[in-house]
Amino acid sequence: DQMVRILKEPDNALIKQFQALFEMDGIALEFEDSALEAIAQKAIDKGVGARGLRGIIEEAMLPLQYSCPSKEGLEKCIITKAVIEDPSQEPIYAFKKEKES
């Protein structure tokens, strides 16, 4: 529980840093609570503690940092527990609705 708080509560929290990165490309980034819990659990399992949280997030997020900006009309990317457990899994994508003419 404390690890999850470290991920999202401080002003310079890791989750906020990744959200800011994606926001530069106009993409809202969200993490499901189960994904945050999976990140914390991985850190505990690996014995890396809070210092290892960045590496665990980067492992899952790196492929998305390259693929998401090239997805036409992508508005939101939602990180699930499955993405954290297996970075080859796709997150949930939300695309802008096309305007009818």
N, C-alpha and C. Protein backbone atom coordinates (compact mmCIF):
# COMPACT_ATOMS: atom_id res chain seq x y z
N ASP A 1 0.83 -1.20 0.00
CA ASP A 1 0.00 0.00 0.00
C ASP A 1 0.87 1.26 0.00
N GLN A 2 1.94 1.23 0.77
CA GLN A 2 2.85 2.37 0.82
C GLN A 2 3.55 2.55 -0.53
N MET A 3 3.89 1.45 -1.19
CA MET A 3 4.54 1.53 -2.50
C MET A 3 3.60 2.17 -3.52
N VAL A 4 2.33 1.83 -3.49
CA VAL A 4 1.35 2.42 -4.40
C VAL A 4 1.26 3.92 -4.14
N ARG A 5 1.28 4.33 -2.89
CA ARG A 5 1.25 5.75 -2.55
C ARG A 5 2.49 6.46 -3.09
N ILE A 6 3.64 5.82 -3.02
CA ILE A 6 4.88 6.40 -3.55
C ILE A 6 4.75 6.61 -5.06
N LEU A 7 4.06 5.70 -5.72
CA LEU A 7 3.89 5.81 -7.17
C LEU A 7 3.04 7.00 -7.59
N LYS A 8 2.05 7.37 -6.78
CA LYS A 8 1.11 8.36 -7.27
C LYS A 8 0.93 9.63 -6.44
N GLU A 9 1.41 9.67 -5.20
CA GLU A 9 1.10 10.83 -4.36
C GLU A 9 2.10 11.98 -4.38
N PRO A 10 3.41 11.75 -4.35
CA PRO A 10 4.32 12.90 -4.32
C PRO A 10 4.19 13.79 -5.57
N ASP A 11 4.61 15.05 -5.45
CA ASP A 11 4.55 15.97 -6.58
C ASP A 11 5.32 15.43 -7.79
N ASN A 12 6.43 14.76 -7.53
CA ASN A 12 7.25 14.23 -8.62
C ASN A 12 7.05 12.71 -8.77
N ALA A 13 5.87 12.23 -8.47
CA ALA A 13 5.57 10.80 -8.51
C ALA A 13 5.82 10.24 -9.91
N LEU A 14 6.27 8.99 -9.95
CA LEU A 14 6.58 8.34 -11.23
C LEU A 14 5.38 8.33 -12.17
N ILE A 15 4.21 8.03 -11.65
CA ILE A 15 3.01 7.99 -12.49
C ILE A 15 2.77 9.36 -13.12
N LYS A 16 2.91 10.42 -12.35
CA LYS A 16 2.71 11.78 -12.87
C LYS A 16 3.74 12.11 -13.94
N GLN A 17 4.97 11.62 -13.78
CA GLN A 17 6.01 11.88 -14.77
C GLN A 17 5.65 11.23 -16.11
N PHE A 18 5.18 9.99 -16.06
CA PHE A 18 4.79 9.31 -17.30
C PHE A 18 3.54 9.95 -17.91
N GLN A 19 2.62 10.39 -17.07
CA GLN A 19 1.43 11.06 -17.59
C GLN A 19 1.82 12.35 -18.31
N ALA A 20 2.78 13.08 -17.78
CA ALA A 20 3.25 14.31 -18.42
C ALA A 20 3.91 14.01 -19.76
N LEU A 21 4.68 12.94 -19.82
CA LEU A 21 5.32 12.54 -21.08
C LEU A 21 4.28 12.25 -22.16
N PHE A 22 3.27 11.50 -21.81
CA PHE A 22 2.23 11.15 -22.78
C PHE A 22 1.39 12.36 -23.14
N GLU A 23 1.17 13.25 -22.18
CA GLU A 23 0.38 14.45 -22.42
C GLU A 23 1.04 15.33 -23.48
N MET A 24 2.35 15.30 -23.58
CA MET A 24 3.05 16.08 -24.61
C MET A 24 2.63 15.63 -26.01
N ASP A 25 2.17 14.39 -26.14
CA ASP A 25 1.67 13.88 -27.42
C ASP A 25 0.15 13.92 -27.48
N GLY A 26 -0.48 14.59 -26.51
CA GLY A 26 -1.92 14.72 -26.49
C GLY A 26 -2.66 13.47 -26.06
N ILE A 27 -1.98 12.59 -25.34
CA ILE A 27 -2.56 11.32 -24.90
C ILE A 27 -2.70 11.32 -23.38
N ALA A 28 -3.90 11.06 -22.91
CA ALA A 28 -4.13 10.92 -21.47
C ALA A 28 -3.71 9.51 -21.06
N LEU A 29 -2.89 9.42 -20.04
CA LEU A 29 -2.41 8.13 -19.56
C LEU A 29 -3.03 7.85 -18.21
N GLU A 30 -3.64 6.68 -18.09
CA GLU A 30 -4.25 6.28 -16.83
C GLU A 30 -3.72 4.91 -16.42
N PHE A 31 -3.63 4.70 -15.13
CA PHE A 31 -3.23 3.41 -14.58
C PHE A 31 -4.38 2.88 -13.74
N GLU A 32 -4.82 1.66 -14.03
CA GLU A 32 -5.83 1.04 -13.17
C GLU A 32 -5.18 0.76 -11.81
N ASP A 33 -5.98 0.76 -10.75
CA ASP A 33 -5.45 0.47 -9.42
C ASP A 33 -4.75 -0.88 -9.38
N SER A 34 -5.29 -1.86 -10.11
CA SER A 34 -4.68 -3.19 -10.12
C SER A 34 -3.30 -3.15 -10.78
N ALA A 35 -3.09 -2.24 -11.73
CA ALA A 35 -1.78 -2.09 -12.36
C ALA A 35 -0.77 -1.52 -11.37
N LEU A 36 -1.20 -0.52 -10.60
CA LEU A 36 -0.32 0.06 -9.58
C LEU A 36 0.05 -0.97 -8.53
N GLU A 37 -0.92 -1.78 -8.15
CA GLU A 37 -0.65 -2.85 -7.17
C GLU A 37 0.32 -3.88 -7.75
N ALA A 38 0.20 -4.17 -9.04
CA ALA A 38 1.10 -5.13 -9.69
C ALA A 38 2.53 -4.58 -9.75
N ILE A 39 2.67 -3.27 -9.99
CA ILE A 39 4.00 -2.64 -10.00
C ILE A 39 4.63 -2.78 -8.62
N ALA A 40 3.87 -2.44 -7.60
CA ALA A 40 4.36 -2.53 -6.22
C ALA A 40 4.74 -3.97 -5.87
N GLN A 41 3.91 -4.92 -6.27
CA GLN A 41 4.17 -6.32 -5.95
C GLN A 41 5.43 -6.81 -6.66
N LYS A 42 5.64 -6.38 -7.91
CA LYS A 42 6.86 -6.77 -8.63
C LYS A 42 8.10 -6.25 -7.91
N ALA A 43 8.03 -5.02 -7.41
CA ALA A 43 9.16 -4.44 -6.68
C ALA A 43 9.44 -5.24 -5.41
N ILE A 44 8.39 -5.64 -4.73
CA ILE A 44 8.55 -6.44 -3.51
C ILE A 44 9.14 -7.81 -3.86
N ASP A 45 8.58 -8.45 -4.90
CA ASP A 45 9.05 -9.78 -5.30
C ASP A 45 10.52 -9.77 -5.72
N LYS A 46 10.93 -8.70 -6.40
CA LYS A 46 12.32 -8.59 -6.86
C LYS A 46 13.25 -8.11 -5.75
N GLY A 47 12.67 -7.66 -4.65
CA GLY A 47 13.47 -7.18 -3.53
C GLY A 47 14.15 -5.85 -3.80
N VAL A 48 13.58 -5.06 -4.71
CA VAL A 48 14.21 -3.79 -5.08
C VAL A 48 13.61 -2.59 -4.35
N GLY A 49 12.49 -2.78 -3.69
CA GLY A 49 11.88 -1.70 -2.93
C GLY A 49 11.47 -0.53 -3.79
N ALA A 50 11.28 0.61 -3.16
CA ALA A 50 10.80 1.81 -3.85
C ALA A 50 11.77 2.29 -4.92
N ARG A 51 13.05 2.07 -4.72
CA ARG A 51 14.04 2.51 -5.71
C ARG A 51 13.91 1.77 -7.03
N GLY A 52 13.34 0.60 -7.01
CA GLY A 52 13.20 -0.20 -8.23
C GLY A 52 11.91 0.04 -8.99
N LEU A 53 11.05 0.90 -8.46
CA LEU A 53 9.76 1.13 -9.10
C LEU A 53 9.91 1.70 -10.52
N ARG A 54 10.84 2.64 -10.70
CA ARG A 54 11.04 3.25 -12.02
C ARG A 54 11.37 2.20 -13.08
N GLY A 55 12.28 1.30 -12.76
CA GLY A 55 12.66 0.28 -13.73
C GLY A 55 11.51 -0.62 -14.11
N ILE A 56 10.67 -0.94 -13.15
CA ILE A 56 9.52 -1.80 -13.42
C ILE A 56 8.52 -1.08 -14.32
N ILE A 57 8.27 0.19 -14.05
CA ILE A 57 7.35 0.95 -14.89
C ILE A 57 7.94 1.12 -16.29
N GLU A 58 9.22 1.45 -16.37
CA GLU A 58 9.85 1.66 -17.67
C GLU A 58 9.79 0.41 -18.53
N GLU A 59 9.95 -0.74 -17.93
CA GLU A 59 9.90 -2.00 -18.67
C GLU A 59 8.56 -2.14 -19.40
N ALA A 60 7.49 -1.76 -18.74
CA ALA A 60 6.16 -1.85 -19.35
C ALA A 60 5.87 -0.68 -20.29
N MET A 61 6.38 0.50 -19.95
CA MET A 61 6.01 1.71 -20.68
C MET A 61 6.85 2.00 -21.91
N LEU A 62 8.08 1.51 -21.94
CA LEU A 62 8.97 1.85 -23.06
C LEU A 62 8.37 1.52 -24.42
N PRO A 63 7.85 0.31 -24.63
CA PRO A 63 7.26 0.04 -25.94
C PRO A 63 6.10 0.99 -26.27
N LEU A 64 5.33 1.36 -25.26
CA LEU A 64 4.17 2.23 -25.48
C LEU A 64 4.59 3.66 -25.78
N GLN A 65 5.72 4.09 -25.24
CA GLN A 65 6.21 5.44 -25.51
C GLN A 65 6.50 5.61 -26.99
N TYR A 66 6.84 4.53 -27.67
CA TYR A 66 7.12 4.60 -29.10
C TYR A 66 5.89 4.34 -29.94
N SER A 67 5.03 3.42 -29.51
CA SER A 67 3.89 3.03 -30.34
C SER A 67 2.69 3.98 -30.21
N CYS A 68 2.43 4.50 -29.04
CA CYS A 68 1.23 5.32 -28.83
C CYS A 68 1.19 6.60 -29.67
N PRO A 69 2.27 7.38 -29.74
CA PRO A 69 2.19 8.62 -30.52
C PRO A 69 1.87 8.41 -32.00
N SER A 70 2.15 7.22 -32.53
CA SER A 70 1.89 6.97 -33.94
C SER A 70 0.48 6.43 -34.21
N LYS A 71 -0.30 6.23 -33.16
CA LYS A 71 -1.67 5.73 -33.34
C LYS A 71 -2.60 6.92 -33.61
N GLU A 72 -3.12 6.97 -34.81
CA GLU A 72 -3.98 8.06 -35.25
C GLU A 72 -5.22 8.21 -34.37
N GLY A 73 -5.43 9.39 -33.82
CA GLY A 73 -6.63 9.68 -33.05
C GLY A 73 -6.64 9.13 -31.63
N LEU A 74 -5.49 8.64 -31.16
CA LEU A 74 -5.45 8.08 -29.81
C LEU A 74 -5.63 9.20 -28.79
N GLU A 75 -6.60 9.01 -27.92
CA GLU A 75 -6.93 10.03 -26.92
C GLU A 75 -6.49 9.61 -25.52
N LYS A 76 -6.60 8.29 -25.25
CA LYS A 76 -6.32 7.81 -23.90
C LYS A 76 -5.71 6.41 -23.97
N CYS A 77 -4.77 6.16 -23.07
CA CYS A 77 -4.13 4.86 -22.94
C CYS A 77 -4.28 4.45 -21.47
N ILE A 78 -4.90 3.29 -21.25
CA ILE A 78 -5.15 2.83 -19.88
C ILE A 78 -4.30 1.59 -19.62
N ILE A 79 -3.42 1.72 -18.64
CA ILE A 79 -2.51 0.63 -18.28
C ILE A 79 -3.21 -0.31 -17.31
N THR A 80 -3.24 -1.58 -17.68
CA THR A 80 -3.90 -2.60 -16.85
C THR A 80 -2.85 -3.46 -16.16
N LYS A 81 -3.30 -4.28 -15.25
CA LYS A 81 -2.43 -5.22 -14.56
C LYS A 81 -1.73 -6.14 -15.56
N ALA A 82 -2.45 -6.56 -16.61
CA ALA A 82 -1.89 -7.46 -17.62
C ALA A 82 -0.67 -6.84 -18.31
N VAL A 83 -0.71 -5.53 -18.57
CA VAL A 83 0.41 -4.84 -19.22
C VAL A 83 1.65 -4.86 -18.32
N ILE A 84 1.45 -4.68 -17.03
CA ILE A 84 2.57 -4.68 -16.09
C ILE A 84 3.15 -6.09 -15.96
N GLU A 85 2.30 -7.09 -15.92
CA GLU A 85 2.77 -8.46 -15.77
C GLU A 85 3.43 -8.99 -17.04
N ASP A 86 2.98 -8.51 -18.20
CA ASP A 86 3.53 -8.95 -19.49
C ASP A 86 3.51 -7.77 -20.45
N PRO A 87 4.65 -7.06 -20.60
CA PRO A 87 4.68 -5.86 -21.43
C PRO A 87 4.31 -6.07 -22.91
N SER A 88 4.21 -7.33 -23.35
CA SER A 88 3.77 -7.56 -24.73
C SER A 88 2.25 -7.44 -24.86
N GLN A 89 1.55 -7.35 -23.73
CA GLN A 89 0.09 -7.18 -23.74
C GLN A 89 -0.26 -5.74 -24.12
N GLU A 90 -1.38 -5.58 -24.79
CA GLU A 90 -1.83 -4.25 -25.19
C GLU A 90 -2.62 -3.59 -24.05
N PRO A 91 -2.43 -2.30 -23.86
CA PRO A 91 -3.28 -1.58 -22.89
C PRO A 91 -4.66 -1.35 -23.50
N ILE A 92 -5.51 -0.68 -22.78
CA ILE A 92 -6.82 -0.30 -23.32
C ILE A 92 -6.64 1.05 -24.00
N TYR A 93 -7.05 1.13 -25.25
CA TYR A 93 -6.94 2.38 -26.01
C TYR A 93 -8.32 3.02 -26.18
N ALA A 94 -8.37 4.33 -26.09
CA ALA A 94 -9.59 5.08 -26.40
C ALA A 94 -9.23 6.09 -27.48
N PHE A 95 -9.98 6.04 -28.56
CA PHE A 95 -9.72 6.92 -29.70
C PHE A 95 -10.78 8.00 -29.80
N LYS A 96 -10.38 9.13 -30.38
CA LYS A 96 -11.32 10.24 -30.60
C LYS A 96 -12.38 9.78 -31.58
N LYS A 97 -13.62 10.17 -31.30
CA LYS A 97 -14.70 9.85 -32.23
C LYS A 97 -14.60 10.80 -33.42
N GLU A 98 -14.79 10.23 -34.60
CA GLU A 98 -14.75 11.06 -35.80
C GLU A 98 -16.02 11.89 -35.87
N LYS A 99 -15.85 13.14 -36.25
CA LYS A 99 -16.99 14.04 -36.36
C LYS A 99 -17.76 13.71 -37.64
N GLU A 100 -19.08 13.68 -37.51
CA GLU A 100 -19.91 13.44 -38.69
C GLU A 100 -20.10 14.76 -39.42
N SER A 101 -20.10 14.68 -40.78
CA SER A 101 -20.26 15.92 -41.54
C SER A 101 -21.66 16.09 -42.05
